[in-house]
Amino acid sequence: MVSIDYAEAARLIRKGRRAEQRGKALEGCITGLITTTIAALSGGFYLMISVGIIHRDWIHALPTIGYWRAVLLVFLLRGVFSLPPTTKDKS
């Protein structure tokens, strides 16, 4: 039988909490990355279709845009025009 003293138990508890916090941070990072990717892909599709409709119906001199260029443009513009995340004070 192995006996664990108070210091060892406290160390194991702190180690578990750190691992849990790291896991939550990693989960939030991956979720944000997937969400941003899906939003950029769908936004690029909508931008490409919108530019094509504007080109066809109203402004014939407006050049059309390809899908991957539209995705890149949406991704970059979301980064420019989005608000930075705010930190919420828990105190």
N, C-alpha and C. Protein backbone atom coordinates (compact mmCIF):
# COMPACT_ATOMS: atom_id res chain seq x y z
N MET A 1 0.84 -1.17 0.00
CA MET A 1 0.00 0.00 0.00
C MET A 1 0.89 1.25 0.00
N VAL A 2 0.50 2.22 -0.78
CA VAL A 2 1.26 3.45 -0.91
C VAL A 2 0.56 4.55 -0.12
N SER A 3 1.31 5.26 0.68
CA SER A 3 0.72 6.36 1.42
C SER A 3 1.09 7.68 0.74
N ILE A 4 0.13 8.58 0.65
CA ILE A 4 0.34 9.88 0.03
C ILE A 4 0.19 10.93 1.11
N ASP A 5 1.20 11.77 1.23
CA ASP A 5 1.12 12.83 2.23
C ASP A 5 0.36 14.04 1.65
N TYR A 6 0.16 15.04 2.47
CA TYR A 6 -0.62 16.22 2.10
C TYR A 6 0.02 16.98 0.94
N ALA A 7 1.33 17.13 0.95
CA ALA A 7 2.02 17.89 -0.11
C ALA A 7 1.86 17.18 -1.46
N GLU A 8 1.98 15.87 -1.46
CA GLU A 8 1.83 15.13 -2.70
C GLU A 8 0.40 15.22 -3.25
N ALA A 9 -0.58 15.16 -2.37
CA ALA A 9 -1.98 15.28 -2.78
C ALA A 9 -2.25 16.67 -3.35
N ALA A 10 -1.72 17.71 -2.70
CA ALA A 10 -1.91 19.08 -3.18
C ALA A 10 -1.26 19.26 -4.54
N ARG A 11 -0.07 18.66 -4.74
CA ARG A 11 0.62 18.75 -6.02
C ARG A 11 -0.19 18.08 -7.13
N LEU A 12 -0.75 16.94 -6.83
CA LEU A 12 -1.57 16.23 -7.83
C LEU A 12 -2.83 17.01 -8.18
N ILE A 13 -3.43 17.64 -7.20
CA ILE A 13 -4.63 18.45 -7.45
C ILE A 13 -4.29 19.65 -8.33
N ARG A 14 -3.19 20.34 -8.02
CA ARG A 14 -2.77 21.48 -8.84
C ARG A 14 -2.44 21.05 -10.26
N LYS A 15 -1.78 19.91 -10.40
CA LYS A 15 -1.44 19.39 -11.72
C LYS A 15 -2.70 19.07 -12.52
N GLY A 16 -3.70 18.51 -11.87
CA GLY A 16 -4.96 18.22 -12.54
C GLY A 16 -5.69 19.48 -12.98
N ARG A 17 -5.67 20.49 -12.14
CA ARG A 17 -6.33 21.76 -12.50
C ARG A 17 -5.64 22.44 -13.67
N ARG A 18 -4.30 22.41 -13.68
CA ARG A 18 -3.57 22.99 -14.81
C ARG A 18 -3.88 22.27 -16.10
N ALA A 19 -3.94 20.95 -16.03
CA ALA A 19 -4.26 20.17 -17.22
C ALA A 19 -5.67 20.48 -17.71
N GLU A 20 -6.59 20.65 -16.78
CA GLU A 20 -7.98 20.99 -17.15
C GLU A 20 -8.05 22.37 -17.79
N GLN A 21 -7.34 23.34 -17.25
CA GLN A 21 -7.32 24.69 -17.83
C GLN A 21 -6.68 24.68 -19.22
N ARG A 22 -5.59 23.92 -19.38
CA ARG A 22 -4.95 23.81 -20.68
C ARG A 22 -5.89 23.17 -21.70
N GLY A 23 -6.63 22.16 -21.26
CA GLY A 23 -7.58 21.51 -22.15
C GLY A 23 -8.69 22.45 -22.59
N LYS A 24 -9.19 23.26 -21.66
CA LYS A 24 -10.24 24.22 -22.00
C LYS A 24 -9.72 25.28 -22.97
N ALA A 25 -8.49 25.75 -22.75
CA ALA A 25 -7.90 26.75 -23.65
C ALA A 25 -7.70 26.17 -25.04
N LEU A 26 -7.22 24.95 -25.12
CA LEU A 26 -7.01 24.30 -26.41
C LEU A 26 -8.34 24.07 -27.12
N GLU A 27 -9.36 23.67 -26.37
CA GLU A 27 -10.69 23.47 -26.95
C GLU A 27 -11.25 24.77 -27.51
N GLY A 28 -11.08 25.88 -26.77
CA GLY A 28 -11.54 27.17 -27.25
C GLY A 28 -10.80 27.63 -28.49
N CYS A 29 -9.51 27.35 -28.55
CA CYS A 29 -8.70 27.73 -29.71
C CYS A 29 -9.13 26.95 -30.95
N ILE A 30 -9.31 25.66 -30.80
CA ILE A 30 -9.72 24.82 -31.94
C ILE A 30 -11.12 25.18 -32.39
N THR A 31 -12.03 25.43 -31.45
CA THR A 31 -13.40 25.82 -31.81
C THR A 31 -13.40 27.14 -32.57
N GLY A 32 -12.61 28.10 -32.10
CA GLY A 32 -12.52 29.39 -32.80
C GLY A 32 -11.94 29.25 -34.19
N LEU A 33 -10.94 28.40 -34.34
CA LEU A 33 -10.33 28.18 -35.65
C LEU A 33 -11.31 27.54 -36.63
N ILE A 34 -12.05 26.54 -36.16
CA ILE A 34 -13.03 25.88 -37.03
C ILE A 34 -14.15 26.84 -37.40
N THR A 35 -14.62 27.61 -36.42
CA THR A 35 -15.69 28.58 -36.68
C THR A 35 -15.25 29.64 -37.69
N THR A 36 -14.05 30.16 -37.52
CA THR A 36 -13.52 31.16 -38.44
C THR A 36 -13.37 30.59 -39.85
N THR A 37 -12.91 29.36 -39.94
CA THR A 37 -12.74 28.73 -41.25
C THR A 37 -14.07 28.55 -41.96
N ILE A 38 -15.05 28.02 -41.26
CA ILE A 38 -16.37 27.81 -41.86
C ILE A 38 -17.01 29.14 -42.25
N ALA A 39 -16.87 30.14 -41.40
CA ALA A 39 -17.44 31.46 -41.71
C ALA A 39 -16.76 32.08 -42.94
N ALA A 40 -15.44 31.93 -43.05
CA ALA A 40 -14.74 32.48 -44.21
C ALA A 40 -15.12 31.74 -45.49
N LEU A 41 -15.27 30.43 -45.42
CA LEU A 41 -15.64 29.66 -46.62
C LEU A 41 -17.04 30.01 -47.09
N SER A 42 -17.98 30.09 -46.16
CA SER A 42 -19.35 30.44 -46.57
C SER A 42 -19.45 31.91 -46.98
N GLY A 43 -18.76 32.79 -46.28
CA GLY A 43 -18.76 34.20 -46.66
C GLY A 43 -18.13 34.44 -48.03
N GLY A 44 -17.09 33.69 -48.34
CA GLY A 44 -16.47 33.79 -49.67
C GLY A 44 -17.42 33.35 -50.77
N PHE A 45 -18.18 32.30 -50.50
CA PHE A 45 -19.16 31.85 -51.48
C PHE A 45 -20.22 32.92 -51.73
N TYR A 46 -20.73 33.51 -50.64
CA TYR A 46 -21.76 34.54 -50.78
C TYR A 46 -21.21 35.78 -51.47
N LEU A 47 -19.98 36.16 -51.19
CA LEU A 47 -19.37 37.31 -51.86
C LEU A 47 -19.19 37.04 -53.35
N MET A 48 -18.73 35.83 -53.69
CA MET A 48 -18.54 35.49 -55.10
C MET A 48 -19.86 35.54 -55.86
N ILE A 49 -20.91 34.98 -55.28
CA ILE A 49 -22.23 35.01 -55.92
C ILE A 49 -22.74 36.43 -56.03
N SER A 50 -22.56 37.23 -54.98
CA SER A 50 -23.04 38.63 -55.00
C SER A 50 -22.34 39.45 -56.08
N VAL A 51 -21.03 39.31 -56.18
CA VAL A 51 -20.29 40.05 -57.20
C VAL A 51 -20.71 39.59 -58.59
N GLY A 52 -20.96 38.30 -58.76
CA GLY A 52 -21.42 37.79 -60.05
C GLY A 52 -22.78 38.35 -60.44
N ILE A 53 -23.69 38.45 -59.47
CA ILE A 53 -25.02 39.01 -59.75
C ILE A 53 -24.92 40.49 -60.07
N ILE A 54 -24.11 41.23 -59.32
CA ILE A 54 -23.93 42.66 -59.59
C ILE A 54 -23.32 42.85 -60.98
N HIS A 55 -22.36 42.01 -61.34
CA HIS A 55 -21.73 42.08 -62.67
C HIS A 55 -22.76 41.81 -63.78
N ARG A 56 -23.59 40.81 -63.57
CA ARG A 56 -24.54 40.42 -64.61
C ARG A 56 -25.68 41.43 -64.77
N ASP A 57 -26.18 41.98 -63.66
CA ASP A 57 -27.39 42.80 -63.73
C ASP A 57 -27.16 44.31 -63.75
N TRP A 58 -26.13 44.81 -63.08
CA TRP A 58 -26.02 46.26 -62.94
C TRP A 58 -24.74 46.84 -63.53
N ILE A 59 -23.60 46.37 -63.10
CA ILE A 59 -22.33 46.99 -63.48
C ILE A 59 -21.54 45.97 -64.30
N HIS A 60 -21.65 46.07 -65.61
CA HIS A 60 -21.00 45.09 -66.48
C HIS A 60 -19.48 45.24 -66.50
N ALA A 61 -18.98 46.41 -66.13
CA ALA A 61 -17.53 46.63 -66.12
C ALA A 61 -16.88 46.07 -64.85
N LEU A 62 -17.68 45.68 -63.85
CA LEU A 62 -17.14 45.12 -62.61
C LEU A 62 -16.63 43.70 -62.89
N PRO A 63 -15.34 43.47 -62.62
CA PRO A 63 -14.83 42.12 -62.87
C PRO A 63 -15.36 41.12 -61.83
N THR A 64 -15.54 39.90 -62.25
CA THR A 64 -16.00 38.87 -61.32
C THR A 64 -14.83 38.42 -60.45
N ILE A 65 -15.14 37.67 -59.42
CA ILE A 65 -14.12 37.23 -58.47
C ILE A 65 -14.25 35.72 -58.30
N GLY A 66 -13.12 35.04 -58.19
CA GLY A 66 -13.13 33.60 -57.99
C GLY A 66 -13.39 33.25 -56.54
N TYR A 67 -13.64 31.97 -56.31
CA TYR A 67 -14.01 31.51 -54.97
C TYR A 67 -12.89 31.71 -53.95
N TRP A 68 -11.69 31.26 -54.25
CA TRP A 68 -10.62 31.33 -53.27
C TRP A 68 -10.17 32.76 -53.01
N ARG A 69 -10.23 33.60 -54.03
CA ARG A 69 -9.94 35.03 -53.81
C ARG A 69 -11.01 35.66 -52.92
N ALA A 70 -12.26 35.25 -53.11
CA ALA A 70 -13.35 35.77 -52.28
C ALA A 70 -13.19 35.31 -50.83
N VAL A 71 -12.79 34.06 -50.64
CA VAL A 71 -12.56 33.55 -49.29
C VAL A 71 -11.44 34.34 -48.62
N LEU A 72 -10.36 34.56 -49.32
CA LEU A 72 -9.25 35.33 -48.77
C LEU A 72 -9.69 36.76 -48.43
N LEU A 73 -10.43 37.38 -49.31
CA LEU A 73 -10.91 38.73 -49.07
C LEU A 73 -11.82 38.80 -47.85
N VAL A 74 -12.73 37.85 -47.72
CA VAL A 74 -13.63 37.81 -46.55
C VAL A 74 -12.83 37.59 -45.27
N PHE A 75 -11.87 36.68 -45.31
CA PHE A 75 -11.05 36.40 -44.14
C PHE A 75 -10.28 37.64 -43.70
N LEU A 76 -9.68 38.34 -44.65
CA LEU A 76 -8.91 39.53 -44.31
C LEU A 76 -9.80 40.68 -43.84
N LEU A 77 -10.94 40.86 -44.49
CA LEU A 77 -11.83 41.95 -44.09
C LEU A 77 -12.48 41.70 -42.73
N ARG A 78 -12.74 40.44 -42.40
CA ARG A 78 -13.27 40.15 -41.06
C ARG A 78 -12.24 40.48 -39.99
N GLY A 79 -11.00 40.25 -40.30
CA GLY A 79 -9.95 40.60 -39.36
C GLY A 79 -9.80 42.09 -39.17
N VAL A 80 -10.04 42.85 -40.22
CA VAL A 80 -9.90 44.30 -40.14
C VAL A 80 -11.09 44.94 -39.44
N PHE A 81 -12.30 44.49 -39.78
CA PHE A 81 -13.50 45.16 -39.30
C PHE A 81 -14.14 44.53 -38.07
N SER A 82 -13.59 43.47 -37.54
CA SER A 82 -14.19 42.87 -36.36
C SER A 82 -13.66 43.56 -35.10
N LEU A 83 -14.46 43.51 -34.06
CA LEU A 83 -14.06 44.09 -32.79
C LEU A 83 -13.12 43.13 -32.05
N PRO A 84 -12.11 43.68 -31.38
CA PRO A 84 -11.24 42.79 -30.60
C PRO A 84 -12.01 42.23 -29.41
N PRO A 85 -11.67 41.02 -28.98
CA PRO A 85 -12.38 40.45 -27.84
C PRO A 85 -12.06 41.23 -26.56
N THR A 86 -13.06 41.38 -25.73
CA THR A 86 -12.88 42.10 -24.48
C THR A 86 -12.70 41.09 -23.36
N THR A 87 -11.88 41.46 -22.40
CA THR A 87 -11.69 40.61 -21.24
C THR A 87 -12.71 41.03 -20.19
N LYS A 88 -13.38 40.04 -19.65
CA LYS A 88 -14.37 40.33 -18.62
C LYS A 88 -13.75 40.15 -17.26
N ASP A 89 -13.82 41.18 -16.45
CA ASP A 89 -13.25 41.15 -15.12
C ASP A 89 -14.20 40.38 -14.20
N LYS A 90 -13.69 39.34 -13.56
CA LYS A 90 -14.54 38.50 -12.71
C LYS A 90 -14.60 38.99 -11.27
N SER A 91 -13.88 40.06 -10.97
CA SER A 91 -13.89 40.54 -9.58
C SER A 91 -15.07 41.44 -9.28
